[in-house]
PDB file of N, CA and C in Angstrom:
ATOM      1  N   MET A   1     101.554  92.345  -8.344  1.00  0.00           N
ATOM      2  CA  MET A   1     102.856  92.566  -7.717  1.00  0.00           C
ATOM      3  C   MET A   1     103.930  92.364  -8.757  1.00  0.00           C
ATOM      4  N   HIS A   2     104.941  93.218  -8.757  1.00  0.00           N
ATOM      5  CA  HIS A   2     106.049  93.078  -9.672  1.00  0.00           C
ATOM      6  C   HIS A   2     107.036  92.043  -9.143  1.00  0.00           C
ATOM      7  N   ASN A   3     107.931  91.622 -10.002  1.00  0.00           N
ATOM      8  CA  ASN A   3     108.843  90.510  -9.657  1.00  0.00           C
ATOM      9  C   ASN A   3     109.905  90.897  -8.577  1.00  0.00           C
ATOM     10  N   ARG A   4     110.026  92.167  -8.248  1.00  0.00           N
ATOM     11  CA  ARG A   4     111.007  92.559  -7.234  1.00  0.00           C
ATOM     12  C   ARG A   4     110.345  92.989  -5.938  1.00  0.00           C
ATOM     13  N   ALA A   5     109.010  92.861  -5.853  1.00  0.00           N
ATOM     14  CA  ALA A   5     108.311  93.269  -4.634  1.00  0.00           C
ATOM     15  C   ALA A   5     108.746  92.421  -3.426  1.00  0.00           C
ATOM     16  N   LYS A   6     108.773  91.129  -3.615  1.00  0.00           N
ATOM     17  CA  LYS A   6     109.108  90.278  -2.484  1.00  0.00           C
ATOM     18  C   LYS A   6     110.582  90.418  -2.099  1.00  0.00           C
ATOM     19  N   PRO A   7     111.531  90.485  -3.025  1.00  0.00           N
ATOM     20  CA  PRO A   7     112.929  90.768  -2.582  1.00  0.00           C
ATOM     21  C   PRO A   7     113.070  92.117  -1.904  1.00  0.00           C
ATOM     22  N   ALA A   8     112.289  93.106  -2.338  1.00  0.00           N
ATOM     23  CA  ALA A   8     112.335  94.422  -1.650  1.00  0.00           C
ATOM     24  C   ALA A   8     111.829  94.288  -0.235  1.00  0.00           C
ATOM     25  N   ALA A   9     110.796  93.508  -0.015  1.00  0.00           N
ATOM     26  CA  ALA A   9     110.279  93.300   1.316  1.00  0.00           C
ATOM     27  C   ALA A   9     111.273  92.580   2.172  1.00  0.00           C
ATOM     28  N   GLU A  10     111.966  91.607   1.595  1.00  0.00           N
ATOM     29  CA  GLU A  10     112.992  90.905   2.372  1.00  0.00           C
ATOM     30  C   GLU A  10     114.109  91.841   2.763  1.00  0.00           C
ATOM     31  N   ALA A  11     114.556  92.704   1.844  1.00  0.00           N
ATOM     32  CA  ALA A  11     115.627  93.630   2.115  1.00  0.00           C
ATOM     33  C   ALA A  11     115.178  94.596   3.216  1.00  0.00           C
ATOM     34  N   ALA A  12     113.945  95.049   3.158  1.00  0.00           N
ATOM     35  CA  ALA A  12     113.457  95.988   4.196  1.00  0.00           C
ATOM     36  C   ALA A  12     113.475  95.339   5.586  1.00  0.00           C
ATOM     37  N   GLN A  13     113.143  94.039   5.604  1.00  0.00           N
ATOM     38  CA  GLN A  13     113.180  93.330   6.914  1.00  0.00           C
ATOM     39  C   GLN A  13     114.596  93.243   7.430  1.00  0.00           C
ATOM     40  N   CYS A  14     115.547  93.040   6.518  1.00  0.00           N
ATOM     41  CA  CYS A  14     116.964  93.003   6.930  1.00  0.00           C
ATOM     42  C   CYS A  14     117.410  94.366   7.465  1.00  0.00           C
ATOM     43  N   ALA A  15     116.887  95.467   6.880  1.00  0.00           N
ATOM     44  CA  ALA A  15     117.182  96.775   7.360  1.00  0.00           C
ATOM     45  C   ALA A  15     116.515  96.998   8.707  1.00  0.00           C
ATOM     46  N   HIS A  16     115.360  96.397   8.879  1.00  0.00           N
ATOM     47  CA  HIS A  16     114.636  96.532  10.154  1.00  0.00           C
ATOM     48  C   HIS A  16     115.477  95.964  11.332  1.00  0.00           C
ATOM     49  N   GLU A  17     116.223  94.920  11.062  1.00  0.00           N
ATOM     50  CA  GLU A  17     117.065  94.340  12.121  1.00  0.00           C
ATOM     51  C   GLU A  17     118.040  95.393  12.668  1.00  0.00           C
ATOM     52  N   GLN A  18     118.326  96.403  11.881  1.00  0.00           N
ATOM     53  CA  GLN A  18     119.260  97.452  12.296  1.00  0.00           C
ATOM     54  C   GLN A  18     118.542  98.765  12.584  1.00  0.00           C
ATOM     55  N   GLY A  19     117.193  98.659  12.771  1.00  0.00           N
ATOM     56  CA  GLY A  19     116.438  99.804  13.144  1.00  0.00           C
ATOM     57  C   GLY A  19     116.170 100.813  12.080  1.00  0.00           C
ATOM     58  N   LYS A  20     116.237 100.391  10.822  1.00  0.00           N
ATOM     59  CA  LYS A  20     116.071 101.371   9.711  1.00  0.00           C
ATOM     60  C   LYS A  20     114.985 100.925   8.703  1.00  0.00           C
ATOM     61  N   PHE A  21     113.949 100.267   9.196  1.00  0.00           N
ATOM     62  CA  PHE A  21     112.918  99.788   8.257  1.00  0.00           C
ATOM     63  C   PHE A  21     112.312 100.945   7.444  1.00  0.00           C
ATOM     64  N   TRP A  22     111.796 101.978   8.146  1.00  0.00           N
ATOM     65  CA  TRP A  22     111.121 103.052   7.441  1.00  0.00           C
ATOM     66  C   TRP A  22     112.041 103.840   6.528  1.00  0.00           C
ATOM     67  N   GLU A  23     113.242 104.063   6.980  1.00  0.00           N
ATOM     68  CA  GLU A  23     114.209 104.765   6.120  1.00  0.00           C
ATOM     69  C   GLU A  23     114.477 103.972   4.840  1.00  0.00           C
ATOM     70  N   TYR A  24     114.626 102.659   5.022  1.00  0.00           N
ATOM     71  CA  TYR A  24     114.915 101.762   3.892  1.00  0.00           C
ATOM     72  C   TYR A  24     113.654 101.711   2.967  1.00  0.00           C
ATOM     73  N   HIS A  25     112.508 101.576   3.561  1.00  0.00           N
ATOM     74  CA  HIS A  25     111.225 101.582   2.839  1.00  0.00           C
ATOM     75  C   HIS A  25     111.146 102.807   1.954  1.00  0.00           C
ATOM     76  N   ASP A  26     111.386 103.984   2.559  1.00  0.00           N
ATOM     77  CA  ASP A  26     111.315 105.259   1.838  1.00  0.00           C
ATOM     78  C   ASP A  26     112.326 105.305   0.695  1.00  0.00           C
ATOM     79  N   LYS A  27     113.526 104.766   0.915  1.00  0.00           N
ATOM     80  CA  LYS A  27     114.554 104.736  -0.109  1.00  0.00           C
ATOM     81  C   LYS A  27     114.148 103.892  -1.311  1.00  0.00           C
ATOM     82  N   ILE A  28     113.541 102.754  -1.042  1.00  0.00           N
ATOM     83  CA  ILE A  28     113.041 101.893  -2.145  1.00  0.00           C
ATOM     84  C   ILE A  28     111.941 102.573  -2.920  1.00  0.00           C
ATOM     85  N   PHE A  29     110.983 103.166  -2.212  1.00  0.00           N
ATOM     86  CA  PHE A  29     109.875 103.833  -2.908  1.00  0.00           C
ATOM     87  C   PHE A  29     110.316 105.049  -3.659  1.00  0.00           C
ATOM     88  N   ALA A  30     111.360 105.702  -3.210  1.00  0.00           N
ATOM     89  CA  ALA A  30     111.889 106.887  -3.926  1.00  0.00           C
ATOM     90  C   ALA A  30     112.687 106.473  -5.157  1.00  0.00           C
ATOM     91  N   ASN A  31     113.070 105.212  -5.236  1.00  0.00           N
ATOM     92  CA  ASN A  31     113.912 104.719  -6.373  1.00  0.00           C
ATOM     93  C   ASN A  31     113.323 103.472  -6.950  1.00  0.00           C
ATOM     94  N   GLN A  32     112.067 103.485  -7.328  1.00  0.00           N
ATOM     95  CA  GLN A  32     111.376 102.288  -7.792  1.00  0.00           C
ATOM     96  C   GLN A  32     111.890 101.696  -9.080  1.00  0.00           C
ATOM     97  N   GLN A  33     112.700 102.413  -9.808  1.00  0.00           N
ATOM     98  CA  GLN A  33     113.266 101.857 -11.062  1.00  0.00           C
ATOM     99  C   GLN A  33     114.607 101.228 -10.769  1.00  0.00           C
ATOM    100  N   ALA A  34     115.132 101.324  -9.581  1.00  0.00           N
ATOM    101  CA  ALA A  34     116.421 100.785  -9.225  1.00  0.00           C
ATOM    102  C   ALA A  34     116.280  99.890  -7.998  1.00  0.00           C
ATOM    103  N   ILE A  35     115.854  98.650  -8.264  1.00  0.00           N
ATOM    104  CA  ILE A  35     115.623  97.697  -7.164  1.00  0.00           C
ATOM    105  C   ILE A  35     116.271  96.346  -7.444  1.00  0.00           C
ATOM    106  N   SER A  36     117.491  96.367  -7.916  1.00  0.00           N
ATOM    107  CA  SER A  36     118.242  95.140  -8.047  1.00  0.00           C
ATOM    108  C   SER A  36     118.905  94.800  -6.725  1.00  0.00           C
ATOM    109  N   ASP A  37     119.461  93.626  -6.627  1.00  0.00           N
ATOM    110  CA  ASP A  37     120.189  93.234  -5.430  1.00  0.00           C
ATOM    111  C   ASP A  37     121.291  94.204  -5.113  1.00  0.00           C
ATOM    112  N   ASP A  38     122.027  94.648  -6.166  1.00  0.00           N
ATOM    113  CA  ASP A  38     123.082  95.640  -5.990  1.00  0.00           C
ATOM    114  C   ASP A  38     122.531  96.965  -5.437  1.00  0.00           C
ATOM    115  N   ASP A  39     121.384  97.361  -5.956  1.00  0.00           N
ATOM    116  CA  ASP A  39     120.714  98.570  -5.461  1.00  0.00           C
ATOM    117  C   ASP A  39     120.400  98.433  -3.979  1.00  0.00           C
ATOM    118  N   PHE A  40     119.864  97.288  -3.599  1.00  0.00           N
ATOM    119  CA  PHE A  40     119.531  97.063  -2.182  1.00  0.00           C
ATOM    120  C   PHE A  40     120.748  97.238  -1.299  1.00  0.00           C
ATOM    121  N   LYS A  41     121.881  96.711  -1.748  1.00  0.00           N
ATOM    122  CA  LYS A  41     123.112  96.853  -0.965  1.00  0.00           C
ATOM    123  C   LYS A  41     123.548  98.309  -0.897  1.00  0.00           C
ATOM    124  N   LYS A  42     123.407  99.030  -2.010  1.00  0.00           N
ATOM    125  CA  LYS A  42     123.760 100.430  -2.045  1.00  0.00           C
ATOM    126  C   LYS A  42     122.914 101.232  -1.062  1.00  0.00           C
ATOM    127  N   TYR A  43     121.652 100.928  -1.007  1.00  0.00           N
ATOM    128  CA  TYR A  43     120.777 101.644  -0.090  1.00  0.00           C
ATOM    129  C   TYR A  43     121.149 101.379   1.345  1.00  0.00           C
ATOM    130  N   ALA A  44     121.560 100.148   1.614  1.00  0.00           N
ATOM    131  CA  ALA A  44     122.042  99.831   2.973  1.00  0.00           C
ATOM    132  C   ALA A  44     123.267 100.700   3.319  1.00  0.00           C
ATOM    133  N   THR A  45     124.146 100.841   2.361  1.00  0.00           N
ATOM    134  CA  THR A  45     125.330 101.696   2.577  1.00  0.00           C
ATOM    135  C   THR A  45     124.895 103.149   2.754  1.00  0.00           C
ATOM    136  N   ASP A  46     124.022 103.645   1.880  1.00  0.00           N
ATOM    137  CA  ASP A  46     123.545 105.007   1.962  1.00  0.00           C
ATOM    138  C   ASP A  46     122.959 105.332   3.322  1.00  0.00           C
ATOM    139  N   LEU A  47     122.284 104.349   3.923  1.00  0.00           N
ATOM    140  CA  LEU A  47     121.591 104.592   5.201  1.00  0.00           C
ATOM    141  C   LEU A  47     122.479 104.279   6.416  1.00  0.00           C
ATOM    142  N   GLY A  48     123.733 103.934   6.138  1.00  0.00           N
ATOM    143  CA  GLY A  48     124.687 103.728   7.276  1.00  0.00           C
ATOM    144  C   GLY A  48     124.465 102.397   7.984  1.00  0.00           C
ATOM    145  N   LEU A  49     123.873 101.439   7.327  1.00  0.00           N
ATOM    146  CA  LEU A  49     123.695 100.114   7.906  1.00  0.00           C
ATOM    147  C   LEU A  49     125.037  99.375   7.884  1.00  0.00           C
ATOM    148  N   ASN A  50     125.153  98.385   8.763  1.00  0.00           N
ATOM    149  CA  ASN A  50     126.318  97.488   8.672  1.00  0.00           C
ATOM    150  C   ASN A  50     126.032  96.620   7.442  1.00  0.00           C
ATOM    151  N   VAL A  51     126.722  96.922   6.344  1.00  0.00           N
ATOM    152  CA  VAL A  51     126.436  96.272   5.063  1.00  0.00           C
ATOM    153  C   VAL A  51     126.757  94.800   5.119  1.00  0.00           C
ATOM    154  N   GLU A  52     127.751  94.379   5.828  1.00  0.00           N
ATOM    155  CA  GLU A  52     128.110  92.960   5.898  1.00  0.00           C
ATOM    156  C   GLU A  52     126.958  92.195   6.582  1.00  0.00           C
ATOM    157  N   THR A  53     126.418  92.760   7.651  1.00  0.00           N
ATOM    158  CA  THR A  53     125.266  92.102   8.330  1.00  0.00           C
ATOM    159  C   THR A  53     124.045  92.108   7.441  1.00  0.00           C
ATOM    160  N   PHE A  54     123.777  93.259   6.786  1.00  0.00           N
ATOM    161  CA  PHE A  54     122.631  93.374   5.885  1.00  0.00           C
ATOM    162  C   PHE A  54     122.758  92.320   4.763  1.00  0.00           C
ATOM    163  N   THR A  55     123.926  92.258   4.119  1.00  0.00           N
ATOM    164  CA  THR A  55     124.139  91.362   2.999  1.00  0.00           C
ATOM    165  C   THR A  55     123.978  89.896   3.428  1.00  0.00           C
ATOM    166  N   ALA A  56     124.512  89.579   4.599  1.00  0.00           N
ATOM    167  CA  ALA A  56     124.385  88.161   5.089  1.00  0.00           C
ATOM    168  C   ALA A  56     122.900  87.836   5.287  1.00  0.00           C
ATOM    169  N   CYS A  57     122.149  88.740   5.843  1.00  0.00           N
ATOM    170  CA  CYS A  57     120.719  88.524   6.082  1.00  0.00           C
ATOM    171  C   CYS A  57     119.986  88.372   4.756  1.00  0.00           C
ATOM    172  N   TYR A  58     120.195  89.297   3.845  1.00  0.00           N
ATOM    173  CA  TYR A  58     119.503  89.253   2.549  1.00  0.00           C
ATOM    174  C   TYR A  58     119.894  88.054   1.735  1.00  0.00           C
ATOM    175  N   SER A  59     121.191  87.785   1.613  1.00  0.00           N
ATOM    176  CA  SER A  59     121.691  86.677   0.799  1.00  0.00           C
ATOM    177  C   SER A  59     121.213  85.328   1.307  1.00  0.00           C
ATOM    178  N   ALA A  60     121.066  85.215   2.621  1.00  0.00           N
ATOM    179  CA  ALA A  60     120.605  83.940   3.195  1.00  0.00           C
ATOM    180  C   ALA A  60     119.081  83.759   3.042  1.00  0.00           C
ATOM    181  N   GLY A  61     118.379  84.805   2.608  1.00  0.00           N
ATOM    182  CA  GLY A  61     116.912  84.691   2.471  1.00  0.00           C
ATOM    183  C   GLY A  61     116.230  84.530   3.841  1.00  0.00           C
ATOM    184  N   LYS A  62     116.809  85.174   4.816  1.00  0.00           N
ATOM    185  CA  LYS A  62     116.318  85.036   6.216  1.00  0.00           C
ATOM    186  C   LYS A  62     114.838  85.298   6.341  1.00  0.00           C
ATOM    187  N   TYR A  63     114.302  86.245   5.580  1.00  0.00           N
ATOM    188  CA  TYR A  63     112.911  86.585   5.720  1.00  0.00           C
ATOM    189  C   TYR A  63     112.038  86.123   4.559  1.00  0.00           C
ATOM    190  N   ARG A  64     112.575  85.283   3.667  1.00  0.00           N
ATOM    191  CA  ARG A  64     111.849  84.834   2.458  1.00  0.00           C
ATOM    192  C   ARG A  64     110.551  84.114   2.847  1.00  0.00           C
ATOM    193  N   ALA A  65     110.630  83.189   3.795  1.00  0.00           N
ATOM    194  CA  ALA A  65     109.447  82.465   4.185  1.00  0.00           C
ATOM    195  C   ALA A  65     108.391  83.377   4.787  1.00  0.00           C
ATOM    196  N   ASP A  66     108.804  84.313   5.583  1.00  0.00           N
ATOM    197  CA  ASP A  66     107.862  85.272   6.187  1.00  0.00           C
ATOM    198  C   ASP A  66     107.166  86.128   5.094  1.00  0.00           C
ATOM    199  N   VAL A  67     107.960  86.596   4.156  1.00  0.00           N
ATOM    200  CA  VAL A  67     107.376  87.389   3.064  1.00  0.00           C
ATOM    201  C   VAL A  67     106.394  86.539   2.237  1.00  0.00           C
ATOM    202  N   GLU A  68     106.799  85.316   1.902  1.00  0.00           N
ATOM    203  CA  GLU A  68     105.954  84.442   1.135  1.00  0.00           C
ATOM    204  C   GLU A  68     104.629  84.158   1.911  1.00  0.00           C
ATOM    205  N   LYS A  69     104.726  83.923   3.180  1.00  0.00           N
ATOM    206  CA  LYS A  69     103.559  83.687   4.030  1.00  0.00           C
ATOM    207  C   LYS A  69     102.618  84.886   4.031  1.00  0.00           C
ATOM    208  N   ASP A  70     103.180  86.090   4.205  1.00  0.00           N
ATOM    209  CA  ASP A  70     102.395  87.309   4.198  1.00  0.00           C
ATOM    210  C   ASP A  70     101.712  87.533   2.850  1.00  0.00           C
ATOM    211  N   ALA A  71     102.437  87.304   1.765  1.00  0.00           N
ATOM    212  CA  ALA A  71     101.878  87.454   0.407  1.00  0.00           C
ATOM    213  C   ALA A  71     100.703  86.462   0.184  1.00  0.00           C
ATOM    214  N   ALA A  72     100.892  85.247   0.649  1.00  0.00           N
ATOM    215  CA  ALA A  72      99.827  84.227   0.459  1.00  0.00           C
ATOM    216  C   ALA A  72      98.622  84.614   1.305  1.00  0.00           C
ATOM    217  N   GLU A  73      98.848  85.106   2.467  1.00  0.00           N
ATOM    218  CA  GLU A  73      97.721  85.503   3.353  1.00  0.00           C
ATOM    219  C   GLU A  73      96.981  86.665   2.717  1.00  0.00           C
ATOM    220  N   GLY A  74      97.711  87.647   2.195  1.00  0.00           N
ATOM    221  CA  GLY A  74      97.040  88.757   1.506  1.00  0.00           C
ATOM    222  C   GLY A  74      96.255  88.312   0.325  1.00  0.00           C
ATOM    223  N   SER A  75      96.802  87.385  -0.459  1.00  0.00           N
ATOM    224  CA  SER A  75      96.111  86.896  -1.650  1.00  0.00           C
ATOM    225  C   SER A  75      94.768  86.240  -1.293  1.00  0.00           C
ATOM    226  N   LYS A  76      94.711  85.590  -0.157  1.00  0.00           N
ATOM    227  CA  LYS A  76      93.439  84.982   0.272  1.00  0.00           C
ATOM    228  C   LYS A  76      92.325  86.006   0.434  1.00  0.00           C
ATOM    229  N   PHE A  77      92.734  87.239   0.689  1.00  0.00           N
ATOM    230  CA  PHE A  77      91.760  88.322   0.924  1.00  0.00           C
ATOM    231  C   PHE A  77      91.642  89.284  -0.252  1.00  0.00           C
ATOM    232  N   GLY A  78      92.257  88.906  -1.383  1.00  0.00           N
ATOM    233  CA  GLY A  78      92.094  89.715  -2.588  1.00  0.00           C
ATOM    234  C   GLY A  78      93.177  90.737  -2.801  1.00  0.00           C
ATOM    235  N   VAL A  79      94.179  90.792  -1.990  1.00  0.00           N
ATOM    236  CA  VAL A  79      95.265  91.747  -2.139  1.00  0.00           C
ATOM    237  C   VAL A  79      96.157  91.297  -3.319  1.00  0.00           C
ATOM    238  N   THR A  80      96.318  92.187  -4.275  1.00  0.00           N
ATOM    239  CA  THR A  80      97.174  91.917  -5.422  1.00  0.00           C
ATOM    240  C   THR A  80      98.348  92.861  -5.525  1.00  0.00           C
ATOM    241  N   GLY A  81      98.411  93.822  -4.642  1.00  0.00           N
ATOM    242  CA  GLY A  81      99.520  94.793  -4.660  1.00  0.00           C
ATOM    243  C   GLY A  81      99.443  95.709  -3.475  1.00  0.00           C
ATOM    244  N   THR A  82     100.258  96.684  -3.480  1.00  0.00           N
ATOM    245  CA  THR A  82     100.261  97.684  -2.420  1.00  0.00           C
ATOM    246  C   THR A  82      99.991  99.077  -2.980  1.00  0.00           C
ATOM    247  N   PRO A  83      99.444  99.915  -2.194  1.00  0.00           N
ATOM    248  CA  PRO A  83      98.943  99.684  -0.843  1.00  0.00           C
ATOM    249  C   PRO A  83      97.575  98.948  -0.871  1.00  0.00           C
ATOM    250  N   ALA A  84      97.289  98.339   0.226  1.00  0.00           N
ATOM    251  CA  ALA A  84      95.995  97.672   0.407  1.00  0.00           C
ATOM    252  C   ALA A  84      95.602  97.891   1.896  1.00  0.00           C
ATOM    253  N   PHE A  85      94.342  98.176   2.084  1.00  0.00           N
ATOM    254  CA  PHE A  85      93.845  98.512   3.418  1.00  0.00           C
ATOM    255  C   PHE A  85      92.590  97.746   3.736  1.00  0.00           C
ATOM    256  N   PHE A  86      92.383  97.464   5.021  1.00  0.00           N
ATOM    257  CA  PHE A  86      91.171  96.853   5.534  1.00  0.00           C
ATOM    258  C   PHE A  86      90.630  97.676   6.653  1.00  0.00           C
ATOM    259  N   VAL A  87      89.372  98.018   6.585  1.00  0.00           N
ATOM    260  CA  VAL A  87      88.683  98.710   7.670  1.00  0.00           C
ATOM    261  C   VAL A  87      87.539  97.836   8.142  1.00  0.00           C
ATOM    262  N   ASN A  88      87.689  97.243   9.305  1.00  0.00           N
ATOM    263  CA  ASN A  88      86.713  96.284   9.829  1.00  0.00           C
ATOM    264  C   ASN A  88      86.415  95.200   8.803  1.00  0.00           C
ATOM    265  N   GLY A  89      87.443  94.741   8.121  1.00  0.00           N
ATOM    266  CA  GLY A  89      87.302  93.627   7.177  1.00  0.00           C
ATOM    267  C   GLY A  89      86.896  94.080   5.786  1.00  0.00           C
ATOM    268  N   ARG A  90      86.629  95.344   5.588  1.00  0.00           N
ATOM    269  CA  ARG A  90      86.266  95.827   4.249  1.00  0.00           C
ATOM    270  C   ARG A  90      87.568  96.263   3.547  1.00  0.00           C
ATOM    271  N   PHE A  91      87.696  95.784   2.313  1.00  0.00           N
ATOM    272  CA  PHE A  91      88.924  96.008   1.541  1.00  0.00           C
ATOM    273  C   PHE A  91      88.881  97.309   0.746  1.00  0.00           C
ATOM    274  N   LEU A  92      89.979  98.024   0.838  1.00  0.00           N
ATOM    275  CA  LEU A  92      90.189  99.235   0.067  1.00  0.00           C
ATOM    276  C   LEU A  92      91.542  99.104  -0.643  1.00  0.00           C
ATOM    277  N   SER A  93      91.500  99.059  -1.963  1.00  0.00           N
ATOM    278  CA  SER A  93      92.707  98.745  -2.727  1.00  0.00           C
ATOM    279  C   SER A  93      93.332  99.981  -3.345  1.00  0.00           C
ATOM    280  N   GLY A  94      94.663 100.026  -3.343  1.00  0.00           N
ATOM    281  CA  GLY A  94      95.375 101.101  -4.010  1.00  0.00           C
ATOM    282  C   GLY A  94      95.492 102.369  -3.246  1.00  0.00           C
ATOM    283  N   ALA A  95      96.216 103.301  -3.812  1.00  0.00           N
ATOM    284  CA  ALA A  95      96.354 104.626  -3.197  1.00  0.00           C
ATOM    285  C   ALA A  95      95.016 105.335  -3.316  1.00  0.00           C
ATOM    286  N   GLN A  96      94.470 105.752  -2.199  1.00  0.00           N
ATOM    287  CA  GLN A  96      93.141 106.372  -2.170  1.00  0.00           C
ATOM    288  C   GLN A  96      93.237 107.750  -1.513  1.00  0.00           C
ATOM    289  N   PRO A  97      92.347 108.639  -1.883  1.00  0.00           N
ATOM    290  CA  PRO A  97      92.295 109.909  -1.247  1.00  0.00           C
ATOM    291  C   PRO A  97      91.696 109.800   0.147  1.00  0.00           C
ATOM    292  N   PHE A  98      91.942 110.800   0.948  1.00  0.00           N
ATOM    293  CA  PHE A  98      91.454 110.851   2.335  1.00  0.00           C
ATOM    294  C   PHE A  98      89.938 110.572   2.351  1.00  0.00           C
ATOM    295  N   GLU A  99      89.212 111.143   1.396  1.00  0.00           N
ATOM    296  CA  GLU A  99      87.746 111.044   1.358  1.00  0.00           C
ATOM    297  C   GLU A  99      87.294 109.599   1.295  1.00  0.00           C
ATOM    298  N   ALA A 100      88.033 108.732   0.589  1.00  0.00           N
ATOM    299  CA  ALA A 100      87.618 107.320   0.499  1.00  0.00           C
ATOM    300  C   ALA A 100      87.737 106.651   1.843  1.00  0.00           C
ATOM    301  N   PHE A 101      88.802 106.960   2.590  1.00  0.00           N
ATOM    302  CA  PHE A 101      88.949 106.395   3.936  1.00  0.00           C
ATOM    303  C   PHE A 101      87.848 106.951   4.849  1.00  0.00           C
ATOM    304  N   LYS A 102      87.651 108.233   4.794  1.00  0.00           N
ATOM    305  CA  LYS A 102      86.690 108.874   5.645  1.00  0.00           C
ATOM    306  C   LYS A 102      85.307 108.289   5.418  1.00  0.00           C
ATOM    307  N   ALA A 103      84.928 108.110   4.186  1.00  0.00           N
ATOM    308  CA  ALA A 103      83.591 107.564   3.865  1.00  0.00           C
ATOM    309  C   ALA A 103      83.465 106.134   4.435  1.00  0.00           C
ATOM    310  N   MET A 104      84.497 105.326   4.262  1.00  0.00           N
ATOM    311  CA  MET A 104      84.438 103.959   4.732  1.00  0.00           C
ATOM    312  C   MET A 104      84.385 103.908   6.276  1.00  0.00           C
ATOM    313  N   ILE A 105      85.222 104.723   6.891  1.00  0.00           N
ATOM    314  CA  ILE A 105      85.281 104.758   8.372  1.00  0.00           C
ATOM    315  C   ILE A 105      83.964 105.281   8.924  1.00  0.00           C
ATOM    316  N   ASP A 106      83.472 106.380   8.370  1.00  0.00           N
ATOM    317  CA  ASP A 106      82.190 106.926   8.822  1.00  0.00           C
ATOM    318  C   ASP A 106      81.078 105.894   8.663  1.00  0.00           C
ATOM    319  N   ASP A 107      81.075 105.154   7.566  1.00  0.00           N
ATOM    320  CA  ASP A 107      80.064 104.130   7.343  1.00  0.00           C
ATOM    321  C   ASP A 107      80.167 103.034   8.437  1.00  0.00           C
ATOM    322  N   GLU A 108      81.402 102.660   8.730  1.00  0.00           N
ATOM    323  CA  GLU A 108      81.619 101.600   9.773  1.00  0.00           C
ATOM    324  C   GLU A 108      81.210 102.143  11.115  1.00  0.00           C
ATOM    325  N   LEU A 109      81.475 103.397  11.418  1.00  0.00           N
ATOM    326  CA  LEU A 109      81.103 103.945  12.711  1.00  0.00           C
ATOM    327  C   LEU A 109      79.602 104.052  12.878  1.00  0.00           C
ATOM    328  N   SER A 110      78.901 104.228  11.773  1.00  0.00           N
ATOM    329  CA  SER A 110      77.447 104.340  11.864  1.00  0.00           C
ATOM    330  C   SER A 110      76.720 103.031  12.042  1.00  0.00           C
ATOM    331  N   ARG A 111      77.430 101.923  11.886  1.00  0.00           N
ATOM    332  CA  ARG A 111      76.825 100.588  12.005  1.00  0.00           C
ATOM    333  C   ARG A 111      76.595 100.195  13.420  1.00  0.00           C
TER     334      ARG A 111
END
């Protein structure tokens, strides 16, 4: 995980409070080289969020503990980055083609 992954997750949770998680998520992924705190505030503005509310949430670290807890939980299961998937407890790491998922799911269904 890169050093801005957790702050990005926190910012996305603050956007979620205003019903814009996926839009915010997509904005971050479309601009992966621009993920400073100022960039996060700009994205909130771009998406029409209440920037004052967003900034208060993000600056206070409202979701920091939740993000840390999630990251620690993922680490226990071998997750070192995103995307990461589990199918009936079987780990599939990284961006994978449809065929990888199909093979794993078909294998699980045959058990």
